[in-house]
Amino acid sequence: MKQPRHPAERQQTIRRKILQLLEEESAALSAKAISKRSHVSEKEVYTHLEHIQRTLEKSKTHTFKVEAAECRQCDYIFETRKKLKKPSRCPACKCQSIEEPLFAISRR
């Protein structure tokens, strides 16, 4: 007698996994930390974060937060930067030692 087929459990999409990770984490995370926990390349994480950011701009329940990158040498803060990726160098002192931006999701 054949067993009835049940649909296999769906794998969680990468974006949902990242979204859930950011919601559950109490502290903001860097793209590198998200990459390690979600087993996705750092470059791919930035792509997913951009989509998550656009999605949550329309949300009435959640807010996507970005803590700006900061120069380790002169403490310049990249507040007006629109790109989510870490800048390659500081415009003020030309130093390449930049603290990564951090990402979080919070309820409104």
C-alpha atoms as a PDB file:
ATOM      1  CA  MET A   1       0.000   0.000   0.000  1.00  0.00           C
ATOM      2  CA  LYS A   2       1.383   3.402  -0.987  1.00  0.00           C
ATOM      3  CA  GLN A   3       1.867   6.107   1.584  1.00  0.00           C
ATOM      4  CA  PRO A   4       0.124   9.416   0.777  1.00  0.00           C
ATOM      5  CA  ARG A   5       2.531  12.120  -0.277  1.00  0.00           C
ATOM      6  CA  HIS A   6       2.795  15.139   1.939  1.00  0.00           C
ATOM      7  CA  PRO A   7       4.398  18.300   0.668  1.00  0.00           C
ATOM      8  CA  ALA A   8       7.918  18.724   1.974  1.00  0.00           C
ATOM      9  CA  GLU A   9       8.459  21.509   4.438  1.00  0.00           C
ATOM     10  CA  ARG A  10       9.457  24.648   2.627  1.00  0.00           C
ATOM     11  CA  GLN A  11      12.930  25.917   3.163  1.00  0.00           C
ATOM     12  CA  GLN A  12      13.046  29.395   4.555  1.00  0.00           C
ATOM     13  CA  THR A  13      14.163  31.911   1.928  1.00  0.00           C
ATOM     14  CA  ILE A  14      17.432  33.733   2.503  1.00  0.00           C
ATOM     15  CA  ARG A  15      15.679  37.097   2.901  1.00  0.00           C
ATOM     16  CA  ARG A  16      13.250  35.692   5.450  1.00  0.00           C
ATOM     17  CA  LYS A  17      16.172  34.120   7.286  1.00  0.00           C
ATOM     18  CA  ILE A  18      18.028  37.460   7.385  1.00  0.00           C
ATOM     19  CA  LEU A  19      14.846  39.308   8.366  1.00  0.00           C
ATOM     20  CA  GLN A  20      14.167  36.870  11.205  1.00  0.00           C
ATOM     21  CA  LEU A  21      17.790  37.053  12.337  1.00  0.00           C
ATOM     22  CA  LEU A  22      17.650  40.872  12.532  1.00  0.00           C
ATOM     23  CA  GLU A  23      14.290  40.837  14.330  1.00  0.00           C
ATOM     24  CA  GLU A  24      15.416  38.327  16.947  1.00  0.00           C
ATOM     25  CA  GLU A  25      18.826  39.839  17.620  1.00  0.00           C
ATOM     26  CA  SER A  26      18.884  42.454  20.366  1.00  0.00           C
ATOM     27  CA  ALA A  27      21.992  44.219  19.006  1.00  0.00           C
ATOM     28  CA  ALA A  28      22.604  45.542  15.501  1.00  0.00           C
ATOM     29  CA  LEU A  29      24.634  43.252  13.232  1.00  0.00           C
ATOM     30  CA  SER A  30      27.236  43.884  10.555  1.00  0.00           C
ATOM     31  CA  ALA A  31      26.902  42.344   7.091  1.00  0.00           C
ATOM     32  CA  LYS A  32      29.833  40.086   7.976  1.00  0.00           C
ATOM     33  CA  ALA A  33      28.003  38.746  11.048  1.00  0.00           C
ATOM     34  CA  ILE A  34      24.796  38.250   9.045  1.00  0.00           C
ATOM     35  CA  SER A  35      26.823  36.457   6.372  1.00  0.00           C
ATOM     36  CA  LYS A  36      28.285  34.009   8.885  1.00  0.00           C
ATOM     37  CA  ARG A  37      24.948  33.246  10.536  1.00  0.00           C
ATOM     38  CA  SER A  38      22.929  32.889   7.328  1.00  0.00           C
ATOM     39  CA  HIS A  39      25.660  31.049   5.374  1.00  0.00           C
ATOM     40  CA  VAL A  40      25.519  33.518   2.477  1.00  0.00           C
ATOM     41  CA  SER A  41      28.332  35.578   0.999  1.00  0.00           C
ATOM     42  CA  GLU A  42      28.757  39.086   2.369  1.00  0.00           C
ATOM     43  CA  LYS A  43      28.192  40.546  -1.108  1.00  0.00           C
ATOM     44  CA  GLU A  44      24.873  38.704  -1.364  1.00  0.00           C
ATOM     45  CA  VAL A  45      23.853  39.903   2.118  1.00  0.00           C
ATOM     46  CA  TYR A  46      24.060  43.542   0.964  1.00  0.00           C
ATOM     47  CA  THR A  47      21.749  42.750  -1.973  1.00  0.00           C
ATOM     48  CA  HIS A  48      19.203  41.163   0.353  1.00  0.00           C
ATOM     49  CA  LEU A  49      19.481  44.031   2.853  1.00  0.00           C
ATOM     50  CA  GLU A  50      18.634  46.540   0.101  1.00  0.00           C
ATOM     51  CA  HIS A  51      15.446  44.606  -0.698  1.00  0.00           C
ATOM     52  CA  ILE A  52      14.564  44.271   2.977  1.00  0.00           C
ATOM     53  CA  GLN A  53      15.095  48.017   3.445  1.00  0.00           C
ATOM     54  CA  ARG A  54      12.738  48.853   0.545  1.00  0.00           C
ATOM     55  CA  THR A  55      10.122  46.413   1.823  1.00  0.00           C
ATOM     56  CA  LEU A  56      10.203  47.769   5.380  1.00  0.00           C
ATOM     57  CA  GLU A  57       9.917  51.398   4.188  1.00  0.00           C
ATOM     58  CA  LYS A  58       6.286  50.503   3.391  1.00  0.00           C
ATOM     59  CA  SER A  59       5.763  48.593   6.636  1.00  0.00           C
ATOM     60  CA  LYS A  60       3.655  50.070   9.400  1.00  0.00           C
ATOM     61  CA  THR A  61       4.940  47.626  12.010  1.00  0.00           C
ATOM     62  CA  HIS A  62       8.719  47.429  11.497  1.00  0.00           C
ATOM     63  CA  THR A  63      11.592  49.848  10.914  1.00  0.00           C
ATOM     64  CA  PHE A  64      14.898  49.073   9.198  1.00  0.00           C
ATOM     65  CA  LYS A  65      17.731  50.808  11.041  1.00  0.00           C
ATOM     66  CA  VAL A  66      21.249  51.475   9.787  1.00  0.00           C
ATOM     67  CA  GLU A  67      24.002  52.606  12.134  1.00  0.00           C
ATOM     68  CA  ALA A  68      26.338  54.528   9.849  1.00  0.00           C
ATOM     69  CA  ALA A  69      29.890  53.445   9.120  1.00  0.00           C
ATOM     70  CA  GLU A  70      32.610  55.339  10.974  1.00  0.00           C
ATOM     71  CA  CYS A  71      36.291  56.046  10.324  1.00  0.00           C
ATOM     72  CA  ARG A  72      38.462  54.471  13.007  1.00  0.00           C
ATOM     73  CA  GLN A  73      41.161  57.124  12.643  1.00  0.00           C
ATOM     74  CA  CYS A  74      39.334  60.475  12.589  1.00  0.00           C
ATOM     75  CA  ASP A  75      35.831  59.391  13.760  1.00  0.00           C
ATOM     76  CA  TYR A  76      34.164  60.692  10.571  1.00  0.00           C
ATOM     77  CA  ILE A  77      30.594  59.342  10.412  1.00  0.00           C
ATOM     78  CA  PHE A  78      29.086  58.471   7.025  1.00  0.00           C
ATOM     79  CA  GLU A  79      25.600  59.768   7.941  1.00  0.00           C
ATOM     80  CA  THR A  80      24.448  60.878   4.482  1.00  0.00           C
ATOM     81  CA  ARG A  81      25.621  57.746   2.666  1.00  0.00           C
ATOM     82  CA  LYS A  82      22.769  55.993   0.848  1.00  0.00           C
ATOM     83  CA  LYS A  83      24.639  52.791  -0.036  1.00  0.00           C
ATOM     84  CA  LEU A  84      24.546  50.065   2.585  1.00  0.00           C
ATOM     85  CA  LYS A  85      28.011  48.719   1.771  1.00  0.00           C
ATOM     86  CA  LYS A  86      31.031  49.670   3.841  1.00  0.00           C
ATOM     87  CA  PRO A  87      32.889  52.629   2.280  1.00  0.00           C
ATOM     88  CA  SER A  88      36.377  51.911   0.980  1.00  0.00           C
ATOM     89  CA  ARG A  89      38.025  54.956   2.569  1.00  0.00           C
ATOM     90  CA  CYS A  90      37.318  58.089   4.571  1.00  0.00           C
ATOM     91  CA  PRO A  91      36.782  61.308   2.578  1.00  0.00           C
ATOM     92  CA  ALA A  92      38.240  63.383   5.424  1.00  0.00           C
ATOM     93  CA  CYS A  93      41.531  61.635   6.192  1.00  0.00           C
ATOM     94  CA  LYS A  94      41.730  59.085   3.322  1.00  0.00           C
ATOM     95  CA  CYS A  95      42.185  56.281   5.863  1.00  0.00           C
ATOM     96  CA  GLN A  96      40.960  52.833   4.810  1.00  0.00           C
ATOM     97  CA  SER A  97      40.246  51.621   8.327  1.00  0.00           C
ATOM     98  CA  ILE A  98      36.459  51.943   8.413  1.00  0.00           C
ATOM     99  CA  GLU A  99      34.080  50.489  10.992  1.00  0.00           C
ATOM    100  CA  GLU A 100      31.296  48.588   9.185  1.00  0.00           C
ATOM    101  CA  PRO A 101      27.707  49.861   9.202  1.00  0.00           C
ATOM    102  CA  LEU A 102      25.367  47.911  11.472  1.00  0.00           C
ATOM    103  CA  PHE A 103      21.819  46.817  10.675  1.00  0.00           C
ATOM    104  CA  ALA A 104      18.784  46.154  12.838  1.00  0.00           C
ATOM    105  CA  ILE A 105      15.021  45.809  12.600  1.00  0.00           C
ATOM    106  CA  SER A 106      12.730  47.130  15.290  1.00  0.00           C
ATOM    107  CA  ARG A 107       9.015  47.309  15.903  1.00  0.00           C
ATOM    108  CA  ARG A 108       7.353  50.692  15.647  1.00  0.00           C
END
